[in-house]
Amino acid sequence: MKVSSNNQMDKQLNILQSISRVEAPAHLYHAIMEKVKEQDVVSWHWVRGLAAAFLCLVAVECYVLFSGTLVEDTVQTEQLVAVTDNFLYHE
């Protein structure tokens, strides 16, 4: 006899009902909270490293923006923009 899929599904879903409940020790919560208080949320080494990386990124960005000449940028931009040609409309 073939087992139906509903029976298989019911077996899988009812597995969690067979787990028995266990009480945690009373001092467990306080022990965990003490360990959390002892730890730093974010290490100062990470904060300093990220701040240094951010400042380097800003410095490179400023160098790139202000090192080029404006004339060269204008010429490059004009080459990218297509020139409109209305020659067909004035026949």
Protein backbone atom coordinates (compact mmCIF):
# COMPACT_ATOMS: atom_id res chain seq x y z
CA MET A 1 0.00 0.00 0.00
CA LYS A 2 1.31 3.42 -0.96
CA VAL A 3 1.65 6.06 1.77
CA SER A 4 -0.15 9.25 0.82
CA SER A 5 1.60 12.60 0.75
CA ASN A 6 -0.76 13.96 3.43
CA ASN A 7 0.42 11.33 5.89
CA GLN A 8 4.05 12.09 5.11
CA MET A 9 3.43 15.81 5.52
CA ASP A 10 1.63 15.26 8.84
CA LYS A 11 4.56 13.20 10.14
CA GLN A 12 7.02 15.95 9.24
CA LEU A 13 4.89 18.69 10.80
CA ASN A 14 4.20 16.72 14.00
CA ILE A 15 7.86 16.06 14.74
CA LEU A 16 8.14 19.39 16.58
CA GLN A 17 5.33 18.42 18.97
CA SER A 18 7.42 15.57 20.35
CA ILE A 19 10.10 17.96 21.68
CA SER A 20 9.91 18.31 25.45
CA ARG A 21 10.21 21.68 27.13
CA VAL A 22 13.27 22.36 29.33
CA GLU A 23 13.60 25.09 31.92
CA ALA A 24 16.71 27.27 31.82
CA PRO A 25 18.66 27.91 35.03
CA ALA A 26 17.65 31.10 36.87
CA HIS A 27 21.13 32.66 36.71
CA LEU A 28 21.53 32.12 32.94
CA TYR A 29 19.95 35.46 31.95
CA HIS A 30 22.18 37.45 34.30
CA ALA A 31 25.30 35.59 33.13
CA ILE A 32 24.50 36.37 29.50
CA MET A 33 23.82 40.04 30.27
CA GLU A 34 27.17 40.33 32.11
CA LYS A 35 29.03 38.92 29.09
CA VAL A 36 27.23 41.35 26.78
CA LYS A 37 28.20 44.31 28.99
CA GLU A 38 31.85 43.23 28.95
CA GLN A 39 32.05 43.22 25.15
CA ASP A 40 32.50 46.36 23.08
CA VAL A 41 29.81 46.87 20.50
CA VAL A 42 32.31 48.07 17.88
CA SER A 43 36.03 47.89 18.35
CA TRP A 44 37.82 51.24 18.25
CA HIS A 45 40.34 49.74 15.83
CA TRP A 46 37.56 49.18 13.30
CA VAL A 47 36.23 52.72 13.79
CA ARG A 48 39.67 54.25 13.26
CA GLY A 49 40.34 52.07 10.22
CA LEU A 50 37.05 52.96 8.57
CA ALA A 51 37.54 56.66 9.32
CA ALA A 52 41.02 56.55 7.76
CA ALA A 53 39.70 54.74 4.67
CA PHE A 54 36.88 57.27 4.32
CA LEU A 55 39.30 60.19 4.57
CA CYS A 56 41.56 58.61 1.94
CA LEU A 57 38.58 58.14 -0.34
CA VAL A 58 37.54 61.79 0.09
CA ALA A 59 41.11 62.95 -0.55
CA VAL A 60 41.37 60.91 -3.76
CA GLU A 61 37.99 62.22 -4.90
CA CYS A 62 39.06 65.84 -4.30
CA TYR A 63 42.33 65.24 -6.13
CA VAL A 64 40.56 63.75 -9.13
CA LEU A 65 37.99 66.55 -9.27
CA PHE A 66 40.40 69.45 -8.91
CA SER A 67 43.49 68.18 -10.73
CA GLY A 68 42.05 68.24 -14.26
CA THR A 69 41.60 71.40 -16.29
CA LEU A 70 38.13 72.60 -17.12
CA VAL A 71 38.93 73.14 -20.81
CA GLU A 72 39.79 69.49 -21.38
CA ASP A 73 36.62 68.41 -19.60
CA THR A 74 34.52 70.71 -21.77
CA VAL A 75 36.06 69.35 -24.97
CA GLN A 76 35.47 65.78 -23.87
CA THR A 77 31.88 66.55 -22.95
CA GLU A 78 31.22 68.21 -26.32
CA GLN A 79 32.49 65.12 -28.08
CA LEU A 80 30.00 62.97 -26.19
CA VAL A 81 26.98 65.16 -26.98
CA ALA A 82 25.50 64.53 -30.39
CA VAL A 83 25.18 67.60 -32.61
CA THR A 84 21.66 68.10 -33.91
CA ASP A 85 21.46 68.48 -37.65
CA ASN A 86 18.23 70.00 -39.03
CA PHE A 87 19.35 70.01 -42.64
CA LEU A 88 16.41 67.86 -43.80
CA TYR A 89 13.84 70.26 -42.39
CA HIS A 90 15.09 73.31 -44.37
CA GLU A 91 14.79 72.02 -47.93
